[in-house]
Amino acid sequence: MSKTVLTVDDSRTMRDMLLMVLRGAGFNVVQAEDGQDGLDVLKTVTPDVIITDINMPRLDGYGFIEKVR
């Protein structure tokens, strides 16, 4: 069973790069467009790892991390 990674980044290019690399390494990847979207995703998915950007609209990476903790 592969591990699940949640990527949270407002940059489409960065999300695409992370998706390509992580899937290529055998991970299941779930994506979110900003911190608020990431919190919404966490209502239905329990990732093993979260990779987040810091500067994002609606809810930045620091706020996202604080709410996840």
C-alpha atoms as a PDB file:
ATOM      1  CA  MET A   1       0.000   0.000   0.000  1.00  0.00           C
ATOM      2  CA  SER A   2       1.444   3.374  -1.000  1.00  0.00           C
ATOM      3  CA  LYS A   3       1.669   6.339   1.320  1.00  0.00           C
ATOM      4  CA  THR A   4      -0.570   9.363   0.698  1.00  0.00           C
ATOM      5  CA  VAL A   5       0.888  12.865   0.364  1.00  0.00           C
ATOM      6  CA  LEU A   6      -1.198  16.043   0.504  1.00  0.00           C
ATOM      7  CA  THR A   7       0.358  18.932  -1.416  1.00  0.00           C
ATOM      8  CA  VAL A   8      -0.951  22.430  -0.658  1.00  0.00           C
ATOM      9  CA  ASP A   9       0.216  25.149  -3.038  1.00  0.00           C
ATOM     10  CA  ASP A  10      -1.498  27.971  -4.935  1.00  0.00           C
ATOM     11  CA  SER A  11       0.927  27.610  -7.862  1.00  0.00           C
ATOM     12  CA  ARG A  12      -0.432  25.239 -10.515  1.00  0.00           C
ATOM     13  CA  THR A  13       3.103  24.682 -11.832  1.00  0.00           C
ATOM     14  CA  MET A  14       4.407  23.633  -8.416  1.00  0.00           C
ATOM     15  CA  ARG A  15       1.423  21.313  -7.829  1.00  0.00           C
ATOM     16  CA  ASP A  16       2.016  19.705 -11.234  1.00  0.00           C
ATOM     17  CA  MET A  17       5.744  19.211 -10.549  1.00  0.00           C
ATOM     18  CA  LEU A  18       5.088  17.700  -7.116  1.00  0.00           C
ATOM     19  CA  LEU A  19       2.413  15.426  -8.583  1.00  0.00           C
ATOM     20  CA  MET A  20       4.747  14.160 -11.313  1.00  0.00           C
ATOM     21  CA  VAL A  21       7.689  13.522  -8.971  1.00  0.00           C
ATOM     22  CA  LEU A  22       5.715  12.011  -6.095  1.00  0.00           C
ATOM     23  CA  ARG A  23       3.560   9.748  -8.280  1.00  0.00           C
ATOM     24  CA  GLY A  24       6.706   8.665 -10.091  1.00  0.00           C
ATOM     25  CA  ALA A  25       8.134   7.664  -6.720  1.00  0.00           C
ATOM     26  CA  GLY A  26       5.048   5.567  -5.976  1.00  0.00           C
ATOM     27  CA  PHE A  27       3.090   7.888  -3.688  1.00  0.00           C
ATOM     28  CA  ASN A  28      -0.639   8.519  -3.808  1.00  0.00           C
ATOM     29  CA  VAL A  29      -0.993  12.311  -4.197  1.00  0.00           C
ATOM     30  CA  VAL A  30      -3.893  14.534  -3.159  1.00  0.00           C
ATOM     31  CA  GLN A  31      -3.738  18.234  -4.019  1.00  0.00           C
ATOM     32  CA  ALA A  32      -5.159  21.453  -2.564  1.00  0.00           C
ATOM     33  CA  GLU A  33      -4.966  24.982  -3.986  1.00  0.00           C
ATOM     34  CA  ASP A  34      -4.547  26.886  -0.700  1.00  0.00           C
ATOM     35  CA  GLY A  35      -4.725  26.403   3.039  1.00  0.00           C
ATOM     36  CA  GLN A  36      -8.513  26.569   3.222  1.00  0.00           C
ATOM     37  CA  ASP A  37      -8.841  24.026   0.422  1.00  0.00           C
ATOM     38  CA  GLY A  38      -6.299  21.868   2.270  1.00  0.00           C
ATOM     39  CA  LEU A  39      -8.465  21.901   5.401  1.00  0.00           C
ATOM     40  CA  ASP A  40     -11.469  20.892   3.307  1.00  0.00           C
ATOM     41  CA  VAL A  41      -9.494  17.997   1.795  1.00  0.00           C
ATOM     42  CA  LEU A  42      -8.500  16.815   5.281  1.00  0.00           C
ATOM     43  CA  LYS A  43     -12.173  16.229   6.093  1.00  0.00           C
ATOM     44  CA  THR A  44     -12.156  13.229   3.736  1.00  0.00           C
ATOM     45  CA  VAL A  45      -8.494  12.212   3.401  1.00  0.00           C
ATOM     46  CA  THR A  46      -5.905  11.308   6.055  1.00  0.00           C
ATOM     47  CA  PRO A  47      -2.491  11.811   4.443  1.00  0.00           C
ATOM     48  CA  ASP A  48       0.725  10.341   5.785  1.00  0.00           C
ATOM     49  CA  VAL A  49       2.635  13.521   4.859  1.00  0.00           C
ATOM     50  CA  ILE A  50       1.676  17.130   4.060  1.00  0.00           C
ATOM     51  CA  ILE A  51       3.801  19.410   1.884  1.00  0.00           C
ATOM     52  CA  THR A  52       2.668  23.043   2.028  1.00  0.00           C
ATOM     53  CA  ASP A  53       3.593  26.399   0.608  1.00  0.00           C
ATOM     54  CA  ILE A  54       3.708  29.375   2.970  1.00  0.00           C
ATOM     55  CA  ASN A  55       2.455  32.330   0.874  1.00  0.00           C
ATOM     56  CA  MET A  56      -1.080  31.512  -0.305  1.00  0.00           C
ATOM     57  CA  PRO A  57      -4.416  33.325  -0.533  1.00  0.00           C
ATOM     58  CA  ARG A  58      -7.364  32.757   1.850  1.00  0.00           C
ATOM     59  CA  LEU A  59      -5.276  30.799   4.402  1.00  0.00           C
ATOM     60  CA  ASP A  60      -1.476  30.862   4.332  1.00  0.00           C
ATOM     61  CA  GLY A  61       0.804  27.969   5.186  1.00  0.00           C
ATOM     62  CA  TYR A  62       1.368  29.086   8.773  1.00  0.00           C
ATOM     63  CA  GLY A  63      -2.364  29.301   9.448  1.00  0.00           C
ATOM     64  CA  PHE A  64      -2.907  25.967   7.736  1.00  0.00           C
ATOM     65  CA  ILE A  65      -0.244  24.253   9.856  1.00  0.00           C
ATOM     66  CA  GLU A  66      -1.638  25.794  13.038  1.00  0.00           C
ATOM     67  CA  LYS A  67      -5.153  24.519  12.253  1.00  0.00           C
ATOM     68  CA  VAL A  68      -3.888  21.048  11.297  1.00  0.00           C
ATOM     69  CA  ARG A  69      -2.023  20.716  14.594  1.00  0.00           C
END
